[in-house]
Structures are given as C-alpha cells and as structure tokens.
Amino acid sequence: MKIVYANVYISNLEQSIAFFVEKLGLQLGFSDAEHGYASFAAGPISLGLAVAAKEQADLVGRPTGIGFAVDDLEAEHARLAALGVAFPKPPERQPWGGFMALFADPDGNTYYLDEVSASHG
C-alpha cells in the first residue's frame, strides 16, 4: 500500500488552479469543472483540489499538513512572496534542524515549504 494522492478542499476551482499553476508552477494533470475537481503532478504523489460542498465548508481554509520541498527556501520564499503568496510563517530554522516556512493558498489553506538538504531530505 502507498499514498498516491492527497486532497485539499477549496471554494473556487478556477482560482485555485491558477494559483497552483501560475504561482507554484505545478503541472495540471486533470480538471473537471462539473465535478469540482483538479489534480496536479506534485512529485511522487498527486495533489487533488476538491470544491467543498455546502456541508463541507468548514474544511476550507485549514492547515493541510502537506509539505512542499525546495532546494533553496530563501529564494523560493522571495519568488512566491513577490507573486503575492501569503506566508503566515516566514522561513525559520526549526529546533529539530529543518528550515521551513508556511504559505497559504487563496482559500487560506496552509502548506509547509521545506528546504531539503542531503541531511534533511
């Protein structure tokens, strides 16, 4: 058994697709407006975006627990911040030795952005 995708609940499919493609640079693999779903190639797993139904509205705008890895966190933070990406937590060294930040999508869902090195990858 292995994890092949993770889904995040959103409110607006077009807005979220634009964010993940234009700002994060992810490759859109699939999009279905009728069903409110899109999928992106995101390394060894796919990232799915699902438009929340009315009864799922409380699932939008939450910490996702999903982490993106980059080689140079400071450079990627500067690039994304210049594109208007919100960072609730700027790059910071962690007590466990990592170097990470926290960014938000247009709905306020938050994601980790970690610098991956040979010792922490």
PDB file of N, CA and C in Angstrom:
ATOM      1  N   MET A   1       0.840  -1.172   0.000  1.00  0.00           N
ATOM      2  CA  MET A   1       0.000   0.000   0.000  1.00  0.00           C
ATOM      3  C   MET A   1       0.886   1.237   0.000  1.00  0.00           C
ATOM      4  N   LYS A   2       0.458   2.266  -0.740  1.00  0.00           N
ATOM      5  CA  LYS A   2       1.207   3.514  -0.766  1.00  0.00           C
ATOM      6  C   LYS A   2       0.242   4.670  -1.001  1.00  0.00           C
ATOM      7  N   ILE A   3       0.647   5.847  -0.584  1.00  0.00           N
ATOM      8  CA  ILE A   3      -0.151   7.046  -0.806  1.00  0.00           C
ATOM      9  C   ILE A   3       0.101   7.524  -2.236  1.00  0.00           C
ATOM     10  N   VAL A   4      -0.972   7.776  -2.989  1.00  0.00           N
ATOM     11  CA  VAL A   4      -0.819   8.234  -4.364  1.00  0.00           C
ATOM     12  C   VAL A   4      -1.401   9.626  -4.584  1.00  0.00           C
ATOM     13  N   TYR A   5      -2.267  10.093  -3.682  1.00  0.00           N
ATOM     14  CA  TYR A   5      -2.784  11.451  -3.790  1.00  0.00           C
ATOM     15  C   TYR A   5      -3.228  11.958  -2.426  1.00  0.00           C
ATOM     16  N   ALA A   6      -3.294  13.283  -2.321  1.00  0.00           N
ATOM     17  CA  ALA A   6      -3.844  13.952  -1.145  1.00  0.00           C
ATOM     18  C   ALA A   6      -4.777  15.035  -1.678  1.00  0.00           C
ATOM     19  N   ASN A   7      -5.950  15.176  -1.067  1.00  0.00           N
ATOM     20  CA  ASN A   7      -6.932  16.171  -1.493  1.00  0.00           C
ATOM     21  C   ASN A   7      -7.022  17.316  -0.502  1.00  0.00           C
ATOM     22  N   VAL A   8      -7.240  18.508  -1.047  1.00  0.00           N
ATOM     23  CA  VAL A   8      -7.452  19.714  -0.250  1.00  0.00           C
ATOM     24  C   VAL A   8      -8.778  20.314  -0.703  1.00  0.00           C
ATOM     25  N   TYR A   9      -9.588  20.743   0.257  1.00  0.00           N
ATOM     26  CA  TYR A   9     -10.869  21.367  -0.067  1.00  0.00           C
ATOM     27  C   TYR A   9     -10.687  22.859  -0.318  1.00  0.00           C
ATOM     28  N   ILE A  10     -11.330  23.327  -1.371  1.00  0.00           N
ATOM     29  CA  ILE A  10     -11.227  24.710  -1.819  1.00  0.00           C
ATOM     30  C   ILE A  10     -12.627  25.253  -2.090  1.00  0.00           C
ATOM     31  N   SER A  11     -12.719  26.565  -2.368  1.00  0.00           N
ATOM     32  CA  SER A  11     -14.025  27.152  -2.669  1.00  0.00           C
ATOM     33  C   SER A  11     -14.205  27.490  -4.151  1.00  0.00           C
ATOM     34  N   ASN A  12     -13.098  27.724  -4.878  1.00  0.00           N
ATOM     35  CA  ASN A  12     -13.187  28.170  -6.255  1.00  0.00           C
ATOM     36  C   ASN A  12     -12.138  27.435  -7.089  1.00  0.00           C
ATOM     37  N   LEU A  13     -12.597  26.560  -7.967  1.00  0.00           N
ATOM     38  CA  LEU A  13     -11.684  25.717  -8.734  1.00  0.00           C
ATOM     39  C   LEU A  13     -10.776  26.530  -9.664  1.00  0.00           C
ATOM     40  N   GLU A  14     -11.343  27.447 -10.444  1.00  0.00           N
ATOM     41  CA  GLU A  14     -10.530  28.223 -11.389  1.00  0.00           C
ATOM     42  C   GLU A  14      -9.461  29.039 -10.669  1.00  0.00           C
ATOM     43  N   GLN A  15      -9.841  29.690  -9.580  1.00  0.00           N
ATOM     44  CA  GLN A  15      -8.892  30.497  -8.803  1.00  0.00           C
ATOM     45  C   GLN A  15      -7.768  29.630  -8.248  1.00  0.00           C
ATOM     46  N   SER A  16      -8.114  28.461  -7.747  1.00  0.00           N
ATOM     47  CA  SER A  16      -7.106  27.576  -7.170  1.00  0.00           C
ATOM     48  C   SER A  16      -6.195  26.984  -8.225  1.00  0.00           C
ATOM     49  N   ILE A  17      -6.755  26.610  -9.380  1.00  0.00           N
ATOM     50  CA  ILE A  17      -5.915  26.098 -10.465  1.00  0.00           C
ATOM     51  C   ILE A  17      -4.907  27.167 -10.881  1.00  0.00           C
ATOM     52  N   ALA A  18      -5.371  28.397 -11.042  1.00  0.00           N
ATOM     53  CA  ALA A  18      -4.458  29.481 -11.421  1.00  0.00           C
ATOM     54  C   ALA A  18      -3.338  29.636 -10.397  1.00  0.00           C
ATOM     55  N   PHE A  19      -3.663  29.564  -9.113  1.00  0.00           N
ATOM     56  CA  PHE A  19      -2.658  29.698  -8.060  1.00  0.00           C
ATOM     57  C   PHE A  19      -1.602  28.596  -8.159  1.00  0.00           C
ATOM     58  N   PHE A  20      -2.041  27.353  -8.252  1.00  0.00           N
ATOM     59  CA  PHE A  20      -1.094  26.241  -8.254  1.00  0.00           C
ATOM     60  C   PHE A  20      -0.276  26.157  -9.540  1.00  0.00           C
ATOM     61  N   VAL A  21      -0.825  26.594 -10.664  1.00  0.00           N
ATOM     62  CA  VAL A  21      -0.087  26.581 -11.924  1.00  0.00           C
ATOM     63  C   VAL A  21       0.795  27.820 -12.052  1.00  0.00           C
ATOM     64  N   GLU A  22       0.191  29.004 -11.915  1.00  0.00           N
ATOM     65  CA  GLU A  22       0.904  30.250 -12.193  1.00  0.00           C
ATOM     66  C   GLU A  22       1.872  30.662 -11.092  1.00  0.00           C
ATOM     67  N   LYS A  23       1.544  30.389  -9.853  1.00  0.00           N
ATOM     68  CA  LYS A  23       2.426  30.815  -8.759  1.00  0.00           C
ATOM     69  C   LYS A  23       3.348  29.703  -8.290  1.00  0.00           C
ATOM     70  N   LEU A  24       2.798  28.495  -8.081  1.00  0.00           N
ATOM     71  CA  LEU A  24       3.648  27.408  -7.600  1.00  0.00           C
ATOM     72  C   LEU A  24       4.347  26.654  -8.719  1.00  0.00           C
ATOM     73  N   GLY A  25       3.823  26.754  -9.936  1.00  0.00           N
ATOM     74  CA  GLY A  25       4.456  26.087 -11.063  1.00  0.00           C
ATOM     75  C   GLY A  25       4.159  24.603 -11.165  1.00  0.00           C
ATOM     76  N   LEU A  26       3.065  24.146 -10.534  1.00  0.00           N
ATOM     77  CA  LEU A  26       2.706  22.733 -10.647  1.00  0.00           C
ATOM     78  C   LEU A  26       2.057  22.462 -11.998  1.00  0.00           C
ATOM     79  N   GLN A  27       2.179  21.244 -12.466  1.00  0.00           N
ATOM     80  CA  GLN A  27       1.602  20.855 -13.740  1.00  0.00           C
ATOM     81  C   GLN A  27       0.204  20.290 -13.516  1.00  0.00           C
ATOM     82  N   LEU A  28      -0.790  20.904 -14.167  1.00  0.00           N
ATOM     83  CA  LEU A  28      -2.162  20.433 -14.073  1.00  0.00           C
ATOM     84  C   LEU A  28      -2.285  19.135 -14.845  1.00  0.00           C
ATOM     85  N   GLY A  29      -2.731  18.084 -14.172  1.00  0.00           N
ATOM     86  CA  GLY A  29      -2.892  16.798 -14.826  1.00  0.00           C
ATOM     87  C   GLY A  29      -4.308  16.565 -15.297  1.00  0.00           C
ATOM     88  N   PHE A  30      -5.280  17.106 -14.535  1.00  0.00           N
ATOM     89  CA  PHE A  30      -6.685  16.824 -14.817  1.00  0.00           C
ATOM     90  C   PHE A  30      -7.536  17.891 -14.161  1.00  0.00           C
ATOM     91  N   SER A  31      -8.591  18.300 -14.845  1.00  0.00           N
ATOM     92  CA  SER A  31      -9.524  19.259 -14.274  1.00  0.00           C
ATOM     93  C   SER A  31     -10.923  18.948 -14.780  1.00  0.00           C
ATOM     94  N   ASP A  32     -11.894  18.958 -13.877  1.00  0.00           N
ATOM     95  CA  ASP A  32     -13.285  18.706 -14.240  1.00  0.00           C
ATOM     96  C   ASP A  32     -14.164  19.687 -13.476  1.00  0.00           C
ATOM     97  N   ALA A  33     -14.538  20.782 -14.157  1.00  0.00           N
ATOM     98  CA  ALA A  33     -15.335  21.822 -13.510  1.00  0.00           C
ATOM     99  C   ALA A  33     -16.689  21.299 -13.058  1.00  0.00           C
ATOM    100  N   GLU A  34     -17.276  20.401 -13.831  1.00  0.00           N
ATOM    101  CA  GLU A  34     -18.596  19.848 -13.478  1.00  0.00           C
ATOM    102  C   GLU A  34     -18.569  19.147 -12.123  1.00  0.00           C
ATOM    103  N   HIS A  35     -17.501  18.450 -11.853  1.00  0.00           N
ATOM    104  CA  HIS A  35     -17.372  17.720 -10.584  1.00  0.00           C
ATOM    105  C   HIS A  35     -16.546  18.475  -9.552  1.00  0.00           C
ATOM    106  N   GLY A  36     -16.036  19.662  -9.918  1.00  0.00           N
ATOM    107  CA  GLY A  36     -15.292  20.489  -8.979  1.00  0.00           C
ATOM    108  C   GLY A  36     -14.010  19.853  -8.483  1.00  0.00           C
ATOM    109  N   TYR A  37     -13.221  19.335  -9.415  1.00  0.00           N
ATOM    110  CA  TYR A  37     -12.005  18.633  -9.004  1.00  0.00           C
ATOM    111  C   TYR A  37     -10.882  18.883 -10.001  1.00  0.00           C
ATOM    112  N   ALA A  38      -9.671  18.997  -9.475  1.00  0.00           N
ATOM    113  CA  ALA A  38      -8.468  19.106 -10.303  1.00  0.00           C
ATOM    114  C   ALA A  38      -7.359  18.319  -9.632  1.00  0.00           C
ATOM    115  N   SER A  39      -6.432  17.853 -10.439  1.00  0.00           N
ATOM    116  CA  SER A  39      -5.310  17.075  -9.930  1.00  0.00           C
ATOM    117  C   SER A  39      -4.018  17.593 -10.551  1.00  0.00           C
ATOM    118  N   PHE A  40      -2.979  17.659  -9.732  1.00  0.00           N
ATOM    119  CA  PHE A  40      -1.679  18.161 -10.151  1.00  0.00           C
ATOM    120  C   PHE A  40      -0.598  17.128  -9.902  1.00  0.00           C
ATOM    121  N   ALA A  41       0.377  17.079 -10.811  1.00  0.00           N
ATOM    122  CA  ALA A  41       1.580  16.296 -10.575  1.00  0.00           C
ATOM    123  C   ALA A  41       2.374  17.048  -9.511  1.00  0.00           C
ATOM    124  N   ALA A  42       2.699  16.366  -8.425  1.00  0.00           N
ATOM    125  CA  ALA A  42       3.395  17.023  -7.310  1.00  0.00           C
ATOM    126  C   ALA A  42       4.463  16.102  -6.736  1.00  0.00           C
ATOM    127  N   GLY A  43       5.284  15.544  -7.598  1.00  0.00           N
ATOM    128  CA  GLY A  43       6.303  14.614  -7.130  1.00  0.00           C
ATOM    129  C   GLY A  43       5.768  13.196  -7.146  1.00  0.00           C
ATOM    130  N   PRO A  44       6.097  12.401  -6.147  1.00  0.00           N
ATOM    131  CA  PRO A  44       5.669  11.002  -6.152  1.00  0.00           C
ATOM    132  C   PRO A  44       4.177  10.806  -5.863  1.00  0.00           C
ATOM    133  N   ILE A  45       3.479  11.852  -5.442  1.00  0.00           N
ATOM    134  CA  ILE A  45       2.029  11.768  -5.262  1.00  0.00           C
ATOM    135  C   ILE A  45       1.370  12.898  -6.038  1.00  0.00           C
ATOM    136  N   SER A  46       0.073  12.826  -6.193  1.00  0.00           N
ATOM    137  CA  SER A  46      -0.689  13.888  -6.833  1.00  0.00           C
ATOM    138  C   SER A  46      -1.376  14.723  -5.766  1.00  0.00           C
ATOM    139  N   LEU A  47      -1.555  15.992  -6.066  1.00  0.00           N
ATOM    140  CA  LEU A  47      -2.304  16.886  -5.191  1.00  0.00           C
ATOM    141  C   LEU A  47      -3.646  17.129  -5.845  1.00  0.00           C
ATOM    142  N   GLY A  48      -4.722  16.784  -5.133  1.00  0.00           N
ATOM    143  CA  GLY A  48      -6.063  17.000  -5.644  1.00  0.00           C
ATOM    144  C   GLY A  48      -6.702  18.203  -4.981  1.00  0.00           C
ATOM    145  N   LEU A  49      -7.475  18.950  -5.758  1.00  0.00           N
ATOM    146  CA  LEU A  49      -8.254  20.063  -5.230  1.00  0.00           C
ATOM    147  C   LEU A  49      -9.716  19.726  -5.445  1.00  0.00           C
ATOM    148  N   ALA A  50     -10.483  19.776  -4.383  1.00  0.00           N
ATOM    149  CA  ALA A  50     -11.900  19.440  -4.459  1.00  0.00           C
ATOM    150  C   ALA A  50     -12.728  20.607  -3.942  1.00  0.00           C
ATOM    151  N   VAL A  51     -13.664  21.076  -4.763  1.00  0.00           N
ATOM    152  CA  VAL A  51     -14.551  22.149  -4.324  1.00  0.00           C
ATOM    153  C   VAL A  51     -15.441  21.582  -3.226  1.00  0.00           C
ATOM    154  N   ALA A  52     -15.429  22.248  -2.084  1.00  0.00           N
ATOM    155  CA  ALA A  52     -16.196  21.784  -0.928  1.00  0.00           C
ATOM    156  C   ALA A  52     -17.691  21.978  -1.161  1.00  0.00           C
ATOM    157  N   ALA A  53     -18.455  20.948  -0.843  1.00  0.00           N
ATOM    158  CA  ALA A  53     -19.911  21.073  -0.859  1.00  0.00           C
ATOM    159  C   ALA A  53     -20.314  21.960   0.317  1.00  0.00           C
ATOM    160  N   LYS A  54     -21.538  22.439   0.301  1.00  0.00           N
ATOM    161  CA  LYS A  54     -22.014  23.340   1.355  1.00  0.00           C
ATOM    162  C   LYS A  54     -21.755  22.781   2.751  1.00  0.00           C
ATOM    163  N   GLU A  55     -22.023  21.498   2.928  1.00  0.00           N
ATOM    164  CA  GLU A  55     -21.844  20.878   4.246  1.00  0.00           C
ATOM    165  C   GLU A  55     -20.371  20.631   4.592  1.00  0.00           C
ATOM    166  N   GLN A  56     -19.471  20.884   3.648  1.00  0.00           N
ATOM    167  CA  GLN A  56     -18.030  20.714   3.873  1.00  0.00           C
ATOM    168  C   GLN A  56     -17.307  22.050   3.992  1.00  0.00           C
ATOM    169  N   ALA A  57     -18.032  23.145   4.042  1.00  0.00           N
ATOM    170  CA  ALA A  57     -17.423  24.482   4.049  1.00  0.00           C
ATOM    171  C   ALA A  57     -16.395  24.658   5.158  1.00  0.00           C
ATOM    172  N   ASP A  58     -16.580  23.973   6.277  1.00  0.00           N
ATOM    173  CA  ASP A  58     -15.629  24.100   7.382  1.00  0.00           C
ATOM    174  C   ASP A  58     -14.307  23.396   7.093  1.00  0.00           C
ATOM    175  N   LEU A  59     -14.202  22.688   5.977  1.00  0.00           N
ATOM    176  CA  LEU A  59     -12.957  22.014   5.606  1.00  0.00           C
ATOM    177  C   LEU A  59     -12.051  22.903   4.748  1.00  0.00           C
ATOM    178  N   VAL A  60     -12.533  24.091   4.398  1.00  0.00           N
ATOM    179  CA  VAL A  60     -11.763  25.043   3.586  1.00  0.00           C
ATOM    180  C   VAL A  60     -11.074  26.029   4.520  1.00  0.00           C
ATOM    181  N   GLY A  61      -9.822  26.376   4.197  1.00  0.00           N
ATOM    182  CA  GLY A  61      -9.099  27.375   4.982  1.00  0.00           C
ATOM    183  C   GLY A  61      -8.476  26.805   6.243  1.00  0.00           C
ATOM    184  N   ARG A  62      -7.898  25.625   6.122  1.00  0.00           N
ATOM    185  CA  ARG A  62      -7.330  24.928   7.282  1.00  0.00           C
ATOM    186  C   ARG A  62      -5.878  24.526   7.021  1.00  0.00           C
ATOM    187  N   PRO A  63      -5.165  24.182   8.070  1.00  0.00           N
ATOM    188  CA  PRO A  63      -3.837  23.591   7.857  1.00  0.00           C
ATOM    189  C   PRO A  63      -3.995  22.263   7.116  1.00  0.00           C
ATOM    190  N   THR A  64      -3.199  22.046   6.083  1.00  0.00           N
ATOM    191  CA  THR A  64      -3.321  20.816   5.305  1.00  0.00           C
ATOM    192  C   THR A  64      -2.374  19.721   5.796  1.00  0.00           C
ATOM    193  N   GLY A  65      -1.264  20.127   6.403  1.00  0.00           N
ATOM    194  CA  GLY A  65      -0.240  19.149   6.773  1.00  0.00           C
ATOM    195  C   GLY A  65       0.587  18.698   5.583  1.00  0.00           C
ATOM    196  N   ILE A  66       0.366  19.297   4.429  1.00  0.00           N
ATOM    197  CA  ILE A  66       1.085  18.926   3.206  1.00  0.00           C
ATOM    198  C   ILE A  66       2.341  19.781   3.096  1.00  0.00           C
ATOM    199  N   GLY A  67       3.454  19.135   2.799  1.00  0.00           N
ATOM    200  CA  GLY A  67       4.723  19.833   2.681  1.00  0.00           C
ATOM    201  C   GLY A  67       5.280  19.779   1.272  1.00  0.00           C
ATOM    202  N   PHE A  68       5.739  20.927   0.782  1.00  0.00           N
ATOM    203  CA  PHE A  68       6.431  21.025  -0.495  1.00  0.00           C
ATOM    204  C   PHE A  68       7.913  21.200  -0.202  1.00  0.00           C
ATOM    205  N   ALA A  69       8.758  20.552  -0.990  1.00  0.00           N
ATOM    206  CA  ALA A  69      10.205  20.616  -0.789  1.00  0.00           C
ATOM    207  C   ALA A  69      10.855  21.450  -1.880  1.00  0.00           C
ATOM    208  N   VAL A  70      11.804  22.276  -1.490  1.00  0.00           N
ATOM    209  CA  VAL A  70      12.596  23.080  -2.426  1.00  0.00           C
ATOM    210  C   VAL A  70      14.070  22.994  -2.031  1.00  0.00           C
ATOM    211  N   ASP A  71      14.930  23.278  -2.981  1.00  0.00           N
ATOM    212  CA  ASP A  71      16.361  23.248  -2.704  1.00  0.00           C
ATOM    213  C   ASP A  71      16.835  24.496  -1.967  1.00  0.00           C
ATOM    214  N   ASP A  72      16.204  25.646  -2.257  1.00  0.00           N
ATOM    215  CA  ASP A  72      16.629  26.920  -1.679  1.00  0.00           C
ATOM    216  C   ASP A  72      15.395  27.652  -1.158  1.00  0.00           C
ATOM    217  N   LEU A  73      15.119  27.518   0.125  1.00  0.00           N
ATOM    218  CA  LEU A  73      13.921  28.090   0.727  1.00  0.00           C
ATOM    219  C   LEU A  73      13.899  29.610   0.642  1.00  0.00           C
ATOM    220  N   GLU A  74      15.007  30.261   0.906  1.00  0.00           N
ATOM    221  CA  GLU A  74      15.018  31.726   0.864  1.00  0.00           C
ATOM    222  C   GLU A  74      14.690  32.246  -0.530  1.00  0.00           C
ATOM    223  N   ALA A  75      15.250  31.629  -1.550  1.00  0.00           N
ATOM    224  CA  ALA A  75      14.986  32.053  -2.929  1.00  0.00           C
ATOM    225  C   ALA A  75      13.525  31.793  -3.303  1.00  0.00           C
ATOM    226  N   GLU A  76      12.997  30.641  -2.936  1.00  0.00           N
ATOM    227  CA  GLU A  76      11.608  30.315  -3.272  1.00  0.00           C
ATOM    228  C   GLU A  76      10.640  31.193  -2.491  1.00  0.00           C
ATOM    229  N   HIS A  77      10.956  31.472  -1.249  1.00  0.00           N
ATOM    230  CA  HIS A  77      10.127  32.389  -0.452  1.00  0.00           C
ATOM    231  C   HIS A  77      10.084  33.763  -1.117  1.00  0.00           C
ATOM    232  N   ALA A  78      11.231  34.268  -1.536  1.00  0.00           N
ATOM    233  CA  ALA A  78      11.289  35.583  -2.186  1.00  0.00           C
ATOM    234  C   ALA A  78      10.488  35.573  -3.483  1.00  0.00           C
ATOM    235  N   ARG A  79      10.618  34.523  -4.279  1.00  0.00           N
ATOM    236  CA  ARG A  79       9.894  34.413  -5.549  1.00  0.00           C
ATOM    237  C   ARG A  79       8.387  34.403  -5.320  1.00  0.00           C
ATOM    238  N   LEU A  80       7.940  33.549  -4.395  1.00  0.00           N
ATOM    239  CA  LEU A  80       6.500  33.426  -4.136  1.00  0.00           C
ATOM    240  C   LEU A  80       5.928  34.685  -3.487  1.00  0.00           C
ATOM    241  N   ALA A  81       6.661  35.266  -2.554  1.00  0.00           N
ATOM    242  CA  ALA A  81       6.194  36.489  -1.899  1.00  0.00           C
ATOM    243  C   ALA A  81       6.039  37.616  -2.930  1.00  0.00           C
ATOM    244  N   ALA A  82       6.961  37.684  -3.906  1.00  0.00           N
ATOM    245  CA  ALA A  82       6.868  38.704  -4.958  1.00  0.00           C
ATOM    246  C   ALA A  82       5.641  38.485  -5.842  1.00  0.00           C
ATOM    247  N   LEU A  83       5.155  37.236  -5.901  1.00  0.00           N
ATOM    248  CA  LEU A  83       3.948  36.918  -6.664  1.00  0.00           C
ATOM    249  C   LEU A  83       2.680  37.111  -5.834  1.00  0.00           C
ATOM    250  N   GLY A  84       2.843  37.547  -4.597  1.00  0.00           N
ATOM    251  CA  GLY A  84       1.690  37.797  -3.744  1.00  0.00           C
ATOM    252  C   GLY A  84       1.241  36.629  -2.891  1.00  0.00           C
ATOM    253  N   VAL A  85       2.036  35.567  -2.830  1.00  0.00           N
ATOM    254  CA  VAL A  85       1.674  34.426  -1.984  1.00  0.00           C
ATOM    255  C   VAL A  85       1.849  34.822  -0.523  1.00  0.00           C
ATOM    256  N   ALA A  86       0.833  34.545   0.286  1.00  0.00           N
ATOM    257  CA  ALA A  86       0.867  34.881   1.715  1.00  0.00           C
ATOM    258  C   ALA A  86       1.670  33.837   2.489  1.00  0.00           C
ATOM    259  N   PHE A  87       2.488  34.313   3.408  1.00  0.00           N
ATOM    260  CA  PHE A  87       3.284  33.448   4.280  1.00  0.00           C
ATOM    261  C   PHE A  87       2.930  33.734   5.734  1.00  0.00           C
ATOM    262  N   PRO A  88       2.009  32.938   6.323  1.00  0.00           N
ATOM    263  CA  PRO A  88       1.687  33.115   7.737  1.00  0.00           C
ATOM    264  C   PRO A  88       2.908  32.898   8.634  1.00  0.00           C
ATOM    265  N   LYS A  89       3.865  32.107   8.131  1.00  0.00           N
ATOM    266  CA  LYS A  89       5.097  31.854   8.882  1.00  0.00           C
ATOM    267  C   LYS A  89       6.262  31.932   7.896  1.00  0.00           C
ATOM    268  N   PRO A  90       7.115  32.951   8.021  1.00  0.00           N
ATOM    269  CA  PRO A  90       8.249  33.082   7.100  1.00  0.00           C
ATOM    270  C   PRO A  90       9.296  31.995   7.370  1.00  0.00           C
ATOM    271  N   PRO A  91      10.285  31.882   6.491  1.00  0.00           N
ATOM    272  CA  PRO A  91      11.334  30.883   6.687  1.00  0.00           C
ATOM    273  C   PRO A  91      11.974  31.007   8.071  1.00  0.00           C
ATOM    274  N   GLU A  92      12.124  29.856   8.689  1.00  0.00           N
ATOM    275  CA  GLU A  92      12.671  29.832  10.052  1.00  0.00           C
ATOM    276  C   GLU A  92      13.337  28.481  10.305  1.00  0.00           C
ATOM    277  N   ARG A  93      14.496  28.532  10.958  1.00  0.00           N
ATOM    278  CA  ARG A  93      15.172  27.292  11.375  1.00  0.00           C
ATOM    279  C   ARG A  93      14.343  26.654  12.481  1.00  0.00           C
ATOM    280  N   GLN A  94      14.200  25.345  12.414  1.00  0.00           N
ATOM    281  CA  GLN A  94      13.391  24.608  13.382  1.00  0.00           C
ATOM    282  C   GLN A  94      14.280  23.948  14.435  1.00  0.00           C
ATOM    283  N   PRO A  95      13.750  23.749  15.643  1.00  0.00           N
ATOM    284  CA  PRO A  95      14.535  23.124  16.704  1.00  0.00           C
ATOM    285  C   PRO A  95      15.066  21.740  16.327  1.00  0.00           C
ATOM    286  N   TRP A  96      14.355  21.055  15.433  1.00  0.00           N
ATOM    287  CA  TRP A  96      14.764  19.712  15.008  1.00  0.00           C
ATOM    288  C   TRP A  96      15.777  19.744  13.872  1.00  0.00           C
ATOM    289  N   GLY A  97      16.158  20.959  13.433  1.00  0.00           N
ATOM    290  CA  GLY A  97      17.209  21.092  12.437  1.00  0.00           C
ATOM    291  C   GLY A  97      16.732  21.472  11.050  1.00  0.00           C
ATOM    292  N   GLY A  98      15.443  21.443  10.807  1.00  0.00           N
ATOM    293  CA  GLY A  98      14.927  21.789   9.488  1.00  0.00           C
ATOM    294  C   GLY A  98      14.862  23.288   9.266  1.00  0.00           C
ATOM    295  N   PHE A  99      14.587  23.662   8.028  1.00  0.00           N
ATOM    296  CA  PHE A  99      14.432  25.057   7.640  1.00  0.00           C
ATOM    297  C   PHE A  99      13.137  25.112   6.845  1.00  0.00           C
ATOM    298  N   MET A 100      12.104  25.789   7.373  1.00  0.00           N
ATOM    299  CA  MET A 100      10.803  25.745   6.735  1.00  0.00           C
ATOM    300  C   MET A 100      10.012  27.027   6.901  1.00  0.00           C
ATOM    301  N   ALA A 101       8.977  27.155   6.085  1.00  0.00           N
ATOM    302  CA  ALA A 101       8.028  28.268   6.121  1.00  0.00           C
ATOM    303  C   ALA A 101       6.634  27.675   5.970  1.00  0.00           C
ATOM    304  N   LEU A 102       5.642  28.523   6.119  1.00  0.00           N
ATOM    305  CA  LEU A 102       4.248  28.123   5.955  1.00  0.00           C
ATOM    306  C   LEU A 102       3.606  29.129   5.004  1.00  0.00           C
ATOM    307  N   PHE A 103       3.031  28.638   3.872  1.00  0.00           N
ATOM    308  CA  PHE A 103       2.353  29.542   2.943  1.00  0.00           C
ATOM    309  C   PHE A 103       0.888  29.164   2.827  1.00  0.00           C
ATOM    310  N   ALA A 104       0.102  30.095   2.291  1.00  0.00           N
ATOM    311  CA  ALA A 104      -1.340  29.886   2.172  1.00  0.00           C
ATOM    312  C   ALA A 104      -1.794  30.005   0.723  1.00  0.00           C
ATOM    313  N   ASP A 105      -2.811  29.201   0.376  1.00  0.00           N
ATOM    314  CA  ASP A 105      -3.436  29.319  -0.939  1.00  0.00           C
ATOM    315  C   ASP A 105      -4.530  30.392  -0.873  1.00  0.00           C
ATOM    316  N   PRO A 106      -5.238  30.668  -1.972  1.00  0.00           N
ATOM    317  CA  PRO A 106      -6.253  31.732  -1.943  1.00  0.00           C
ATOM    318  C   PRO A 106      -7.382  31.517  -0.929  1.00  0.00           C
ATOM    319  N   ASP A 107      -7.632  30.272  -0.520  1.00  0.00           N
ATOM    320  CA  ASP A 107      -8.675  29.983   0.466  1.00  0.00           C
ATOM    321  C   ASP A 107      -8.167  30.026   1.902  1.00  0.00           C
ATOM    322  N   GLY A 108      -6.862  30.219   2.078  1.00  0.00           N
ATOM    323  CA  GLY A 108      -6.292  30.225   3.421  1.00  0.00           C
ATOM    324  C   GLY A 108      -5.860  28.851   3.903  1.00  0.00           C
ATOM    325  N   ASN A 109      -5.931  27.832   3.038  1.00  0.00           N
ATOM    326  CA  ASN A 109      -5.357  26.530   3.396  1.00  0.00           C
ATOM    327  C   ASN A 109      -3.849  26.731   3.499  1.00  0.00           C
ATOM    328  N   THR A 110      -3.227  26.154   4.498  1.00  0.00           N
ATOM    329  CA  THR A 110      -1.787  26.360   4.660  1.00  0.00           C
ATOM    330  C   THR A 110      -1.000  25.091   4.352  1.00  0.00           C
ATOM    331  N   TYR A 111       0.219  25.307   3.862  1.00  0.00           N
ATOM    332  CA  TYR A 111       1.119  24.242   3.422  1.00  0.00           C
ATOM    333  C   TYR A 111       2.513  24.551   3.948  1.00  0.00           C
ATOM    334  N   TYR A 112       3.282  23.507   4.192  1.00  0.00           N
ATOM    335  CA  TYR A 112       4.683  23.676   4.578  1.00  0.00           C
ATOM    336  C   TYR A 112       5.520  23.861   3.312  1.00  0.00           C
ATOM    337  N   LEU A 113       6.577  24.644   3.439  1.00  0.00           N
ATOM    338  CA  LEU A 113       7.576  24.796   2.392  1.00  0.00           C
ATOM    339  C   LEU A 113       8.916  24.550   3.077  1.00  0.00           C
ATOM    340  N   ASP A 114       9.546  23.431   2.743  1.00  0.00           N
ATOM    341  CA  ASP A 114      10.757  22.999   3.425  1.00  0.00           C
ATOM    342  C   ASP A 114      11.947  22.997   2.481  1.00  0.00           C
ATOM    343  N   GLU A 115      13.088  23.417   3.036  1.00  0.00           N
ATOM    344  CA  GLU A 115      14.333  23.280   2.270  1.00  0.00           C
ATOM    345  C   GLU A 115      14.852  21.886   2.514  1.00  0.00           C
ATOM    346  N   VAL A 116      15.102  21.201   1.414  1.00  0.00           N
ATOM    347  CA  VAL A 116      15.579  19.822   1.504  1.00  0.00           C
ATOM    348  C   VAL A 116      17.078  19.821   1.261  1.00  0.00           C
ATOM    349  N   SER A 117      17.788  19.221   2.172  1.00  0.00           N
ATOM    350  CA  SER A 117      19.231  19.075   2.003  1.00  0.00           C
ATOM    351  C   SER A 117      19.575  17.606   2.139  1.00  0.00           C
ATOM    352  N   ALA A 118      20.822  17.278   1.883  1.00  0.00           N
ATOM    353  CA  ALA A 118      21.245  15.886   1.975  1.00  0.00           C
ATOM    354  C   ALA A 118      20.978  15.320   3.368  1.00  0.00           C
ATOM    355  N   SER A 119      21.070  16.154   4.392  1.00  0.00           N
ATOM    356  CA  SER A 119      20.883  15.643   5.754  1.00  0.00           C
ATOM    357  C   SER A 119      19.424  15.669   6.200  1.00  0.00           C
ATOM    358  N   HIS A 120      18.540  16.409   5.471  1.00  0.00           N
ATOM    359  CA  HIS A 120      17.142  16.506   5.899  1.00  0.00           C
ATOM    360  C   HIS A 120      16.162  16.094   4.808  1.00  0.00           C
ATOM    361  N   GLY A 121      16.611  15.508   3.717  1.00  0.00           N
ATOM    362  CA  GLY A 121      15.733  15.189   2.596  1.00  0.00           C
ATOM    363  C   GLY A 121      15.065  13.895   2.785  1.00  0.00           C
TER     364      GLY A 121
END
